[in-house]
C-alpha atoms as a PDB file:
ATOM      1  CA  MET A   1      19.907  29.206  23.410  1.00  0.00           C
ATOM      2  CA  ALA A   2      22.485  29.244  20.642  1.00  0.00           C
ATOM      3  CA  PRO A   3      21.061  29.685  17.145  1.00  0.00           C
ATOM      4  CA  GLY A   4      20.775  26.430  15.273  1.00  0.00           C
ATOM      5  CA  PHE A   5      18.662  24.141  13.189  1.00  0.00           C
ATOM      6  CA  GLU A   6      17.551  20.553  12.830  1.00  0.00           C
ATOM      7  CA  PHE A   7      16.016  18.588  10.000  1.00  0.00           C
ATOM      8  CA  PHE A   8      12.822  16.571  10.273  1.00  0.00           C
ATOM      9  CA  ASP A   9      11.171  14.159   7.864  1.00  0.00           C
ATOM     10  CA  HIS A  10       8.147  15.416   5.969  1.00  0.00           C
ATOM     11  CA  THR A  11       6.603  12.974   3.466  1.00  0.00           C
ATOM     12  CA  ALA A  12       8.675  13.340   0.260  1.00  0.00           C
ATOM     13  CA  ASP A  13      10.114  16.663   1.429  1.00  0.00           C
ATOM     14  CA  LEU A  14      12.530  17.770   4.131  1.00  0.00           C
ATOM     15  CA  GLY A  15      11.565  19.961   7.062  1.00  0.00           C
ATOM     16  CA  ILE A  16      13.830  22.456   8.772  1.00  0.00           C
ATOM     17  CA  ARG A  17      13.274  23.766  12.284  1.00  0.00           C
ATOM     18  CA  VAL A  18      15.397  26.847  12.932  1.00  0.00           C
ATOM     19  CA  PHE A  19      15.689  28.219  16.460  1.00  0.00           C
ATOM     20  CA  ALA A  20      17.354  31.213  18.132  1.00  0.00           C
ATOM     21  CA  LEU A  21      17.004  33.598  21.051  1.00  0.00           C
ATOM     22  CA  ASP A  22      15.763  36.421  18.824  1.00  0.00           C
ATOM     23  CA  ARG A  23      14.125  36.729  15.434  1.00  0.00           C
ATOM     24  CA  TRP A  24      17.211  38.285  13.825  1.00  0.00           C
ATOM     25  CA  ALA A  25      19.404  35.300  14.728  1.00  0.00           C
ATOM     26  CA  LEU A  26      17.024  32.972  12.870  1.00  0.00           C
ATOM     27  CA  VAL A  27      18.241  34.325   9.534  1.00  0.00           C
ATOM     28  CA  PRO A  28      21.902  33.189   9.607  1.00  0.00           C
ATOM     29  CA  ALA A  29      20.786  29.847  11.057  1.00  0.00           C
ATOM     30  CA  ALA A  30      18.261  29.435   8.216  1.00  0.00           C
ATOM     31  CA  VAL A  31      20.990  30.193   5.657  1.00  0.00           C
ATOM     32  CA  GLU A  32      23.225  27.587   7.285  1.00  0.00           C
ATOM     33  CA  ALA A  33      20.360  25.069   7.265  1.00  0.00           C
ATOM     34  CA  LEU A  34      19.615  25.635   3.574  1.00  0.00           C
ATOM     35  CA  TYR A  35      23.212  25.023   2.562  1.00  0.00           C
ATOM     36  CA  ALA A  36      23.465  22.004   4.898  1.00  0.00           C
ATOM     37  CA  ALA A  37      20.376  20.538   3.224  1.00  0.00           C
ATOM     38  CA  ILE A  38      22.155  20.820  -0.126  1.00  0.00           C
ATOM     39  CA  GLY A  39      25.398  19.311   1.131  1.00  0.00           C
ATOM     40  CA  GLU A  40      28.753  20.070   2.654  1.00  0.00           C
ATOM     41  CA  LEU A  41      29.408  23.304   0.789  1.00  0.00           C
ATOM     42  CA  VAL A  42      32.741  25.104   0.957  1.00  0.00           C
ATOM     43  CA  PRO A  43      32.850  28.727  -0.215  1.00  0.00           C
ATOM     44  CA  GLY A  44      35.624  29.921  -2.505  1.00  0.00           C
ATOM     45  CA  ARG A  45      37.836  32.883  -1.706  1.00  0.00           C
ATOM     46  CA  ASP A  46      36.642  35.814  -3.783  1.00  0.00           C
ATOM     47  CA  GLY A  47      33.307  37.350  -2.914  1.00  0.00           C
ATOM     48  CA  GLU A  48      31.053  40.203  -3.884  1.00  0.00           C
ATOM     49  CA  ALA A  49      28.873  42.285  -1.582  1.00  0.00           C
ATOM     50  CA  ALA A  50      25.219  41.292  -1.589  1.00  0.00           C
ATOM     51  CA  GLY A  51      22.154  42.981  -0.154  1.00  0.00           C
ATOM     52  CA  PHE A  52      18.526  41.933   0.031  1.00  0.00           C
ATOM     53  CA  THR A  53      15.352  43.778   0.967  1.00  0.00           C
ATOM     54  CA  PHE A  54      11.988  42.055   1.179  1.00  0.00           C
ATOM     55  CA  VAL A  55       8.726  43.795   2.041  1.00  0.00           C
ATOM     56  CA  GLY A  56       5.499  41.980   2.849  1.00  0.00           C
ATOM     57  CA  THR A  57       2.941  41.276   5.518  1.00  0.00           C
ATOM     58  CA  ALA A  58       4.320  38.199   7.313  1.00  0.00           C
ATOM     59  CA  ALA A  59       7.801  37.597   8.729  1.00  0.00           C
ATOM     60  CA  ALA A  60       7.670  33.876   7.883  1.00  0.00           C
ATOM     61  CA  SER A  61       7.007  34.638   4.209  1.00  0.00           C
ATOM     62  CA  LEU A  62       9.858  37.154   4.142  1.00  0.00           C
ATOM     63  CA  LEU A  63      12.257  34.515   5.483  1.00  0.00           C
ATOM     64  CA  ARG A  64      10.976  31.994   2.946  1.00  0.00           C
ATOM     65  CA  ASP A  65      11.378  34.477   0.073  1.00  0.00           C
ATOM     66  CA  PHE A  66      14.945  35.244   1.176  1.00  0.00           C
ATOM     67  CA  MET A  67      15.815  31.536   1.283  1.00  0.00           C
ATOM     68  CA  ALA A  68      14.229  31.035  -2.146  1.00  0.00           C
ATOM     69  CA  GLU A  69      16.403  33.848  -3.517  1.00  0.00           C
ATOM     70  CA  LEU A  70      19.517  32.159  -2.110  1.00  0.00           C
ATOM     71  CA  LEU A  71      18.485  28.860  -3.689  1.00  0.00           C
ATOM     72  CA  VAL A  72      18.105  30.539  -7.098  1.00  0.00           C
ATOM     73  CA  ALA A  73      21.555  32.129  -6.725  1.00  0.00           C
ATOM     74  CA  PHE A  74      23.045  28.753  -5.843  1.00  0.00           C
ATOM     75  CA  GLU A  75      21.352  26.964  -8.740  1.00  0.00           C
ATOM     76  CA  THR A  76      21.971  29.582 -11.427  1.00  0.00           C
ATOM     77  CA  ARG A  77      25.327  31.080 -10.428  1.00  0.00           C
ATOM     78  CA  ALA A  78      26.876  28.437  -8.101  1.00  0.00           C
ATOM     79  CA  ILE A  79      27.306  31.032  -5.344  1.00  0.00           C
ATOM     80  CA  MET A  80      26.497  31.013  -1.649  1.00  0.00           C
ATOM     81  CA  LEU A  81      25.922  33.777   0.874  1.00  0.00           C
ATOM     82  CA  THR A  82      28.502  34.130   3.663  1.00  0.00           C
ATOM     83  CA  ASP A  83      29.050  36.695   6.411  1.00  0.00           C
ATOM     84  CA  VAL A  84      25.288  37.085   6.841  1.00  0.00           C
ATOM     85  CA  SER A  85      24.300  40.342   8.534  1.00  0.00           C
ATOM     86  CA  VAL A  86      20.678  41.100   9.384  1.00  0.00           C
ATOM     87  CA  ARG A  87      19.901  44.812   9.277  1.00  0.00           C
ATOM     88  CA  VAL A  88      16.129  44.693   9.800  1.00  0.00           C
ATOM     89  CA  PHE A  89      13.723  41.843  10.549  1.00  0.00           C
ATOM     90  CA  GLU A  90      10.222  43.002  11.361  1.00  0.00           C
ATOM     91  CA  ASP A  91       6.820  41.554  10.484  1.00  0.00           C
ATOM     92  CA  ASP A  92       6.734  43.578   7.267  1.00  0.00           C
ATOM     93  CA  ARG A  93      10.415  43.988   6.294  1.00  0.00           C
ATOM     94  CA  LEU A  94      13.610  41.930   6.046  1.00  0.00           C
ATOM     95  CA  GLU A  95      16.975  43.460   5.121  1.00  0.00           C
ATOM     96  CA  VAL A  96      20.059  41.242   4.952  1.00  0.00           C
ATOM     97  CA  GLY A  97      23.610  41.790   3.767  1.00  0.00           C
ATOM     98  CA  GLY A  98      26.548  39.506   3.218  1.00  0.00           C
ATOM     99  CA  SER A  99      29.014  38.302   0.629  1.00  0.00           C
ATOM    100  CA  PHE A 100      28.249  36.065  -2.318  1.00  0.00           C
ATOM    101  CA  ARG A 101      31.142  33.679  -2.793  1.00  0.00           C
ATOM    102  CA  PRO A 102      31.513  30.970  -5.429  1.00  0.00           C
ATOM    103  CA  VAL A 103      31.065  27.394  -4.272  1.00  0.00           C
ATOM    104  CA  ASP A 104      34.376  25.524  -4.293  1.00  0.00           C
ATOM    105  CA  HIS A 105      33.181  22.439  -6.182  1.00  0.00           C
ATOM    106  CA  ASP A 106      36.462  20.577  -5.656  1.00  0.00           C
ATOM    107  CA  ARG A 107      36.079  20.718  -1.872  1.00  0.00           C
ATOM    108  CA  SER A 108      32.270  20.574  -1.612  1.00  0.00           C
ATOM    109  CA  VAL A 109      30.054  17.503  -1.407  1.00  0.00           C
ATOM    110  CA  LEU A 110      26.512  17.740  -2.798  1.00  0.00           C
ATOM    111  CA  LEU A 111      24.046  15.536  -0.902  1.00  0.00           C
ATOM    112  CA  ARG A 112      20.693  16.327  -2.472  1.00  0.00           C
ATOM    113  CA  GLU A 113      18.934  18.608  -4.893  1.00  0.00           C
ATOM    114  CA  VAL A 114      16.734  21.195  -3.225  1.00  0.00           C
ATOM    115  CA  LYS A 115      14.027  22.072  -5.732  1.00  0.00           C
ATOM    116  CA  ALA A 116      12.112  24.755  -3.845  1.00  0.00           C
ATOM    117  CA  ILE A 117      11.422  26.478  -0.546  1.00  0.00           C
ATOM    118  CA  THR A 118       7.711  25.893  -0.009  1.00  0.00           C
ATOM    119  CA  TYR A 119       4.950  27.756   1.798  1.00  0.00           C
ATOM    120  CA  HIS A 120       3.614  24.447   3.140  1.00  0.00           C
ATOM    121  CA  GLU A 121       3.378  24.542   6.959  1.00  0.00           C
ATOM    122  CA  LEU A 122       5.569  27.667   6.982  1.00  0.00           C
ATOM    123  CA  SER A 123       5.712  29.297  10.408  1.00  0.00           C
ATOM    124  CA  LEU A 124       7.724  31.734  12.495  1.00  0.00           C
ATOM    125  CA  GLU A 125       6.791  32.305  16.105  1.00  0.00           C
ATOM    126  CA  LYS A 126       8.019  33.353  19.508  1.00  0.00           C
ATOM    127  CA  THR A 127       8.385  30.431  21.911  1.00  0.00           C
ATOM    128  CA  GLY A 128       9.173  30.152  25.599  1.00  0.00           C
ATOM    129  CA  ALA A 129      12.855  29.631  24.720  1.00  0.00           C
ATOM    130  CA  GLY A 130      13.160  32.288  21.984  1.00  0.00           C
ATOM    131  CA  TRP A 131      12.077  32.146  18.346  1.00  0.00           C
ATOM    132  CA  GLU A 132      11.409  29.255  15.982  1.00  0.00           C
ATOM    133  CA  ALA A 133      10.806  28.971  12.246  1.00  0.00           C
ATOM    134  CA  ARG A 134       9.603  25.873  10.409  1.00  0.00           C
ATOM    135  CA  ILE A 135      10.296  25.605   6.703  1.00  0.00           C
ATOM    136  CA  ILE A 136       9.555  22.726   4.336  1.00  0.00           C
ATOM    137  CA  ILE A 137      11.843  22.292   1.345  1.00  0.00           C
ATOM    138  CA  ASP A 138      10.983  20.302  -1.758  1.00  0.00           C
ATOM    139  CA  ILE A 139      13.703  17.757  -2.522  1.00  0.00           C
END
């Protein structure tokens, strides 16, 4: 199964189902899904190295916290994470690297405002086909 995502309706919010063969591959697919929920974003040329470490007790919450951090970076600095590289993804730790690049506003199309990455119905589990995460975003 190739990593990917799909959107699903959820009352006044938007749901994202991310799927991949292994847990690590969920992370780049979740990043792609977040930016696709916002719009058709095109990164600019210059980037800066970025690294994230999250520690907790549940892998789903770590993924949610990472996505929330990316949303804050997008909203406050108009940057997006590219070249996503997962270093560690365990139940209690998530380490991700990549490059923050400015959003090219001239070539990007914004579709909707994403207000928050919620904890509502948040899940991450192993399935018969690989791994799946479900994330609800407030729009």
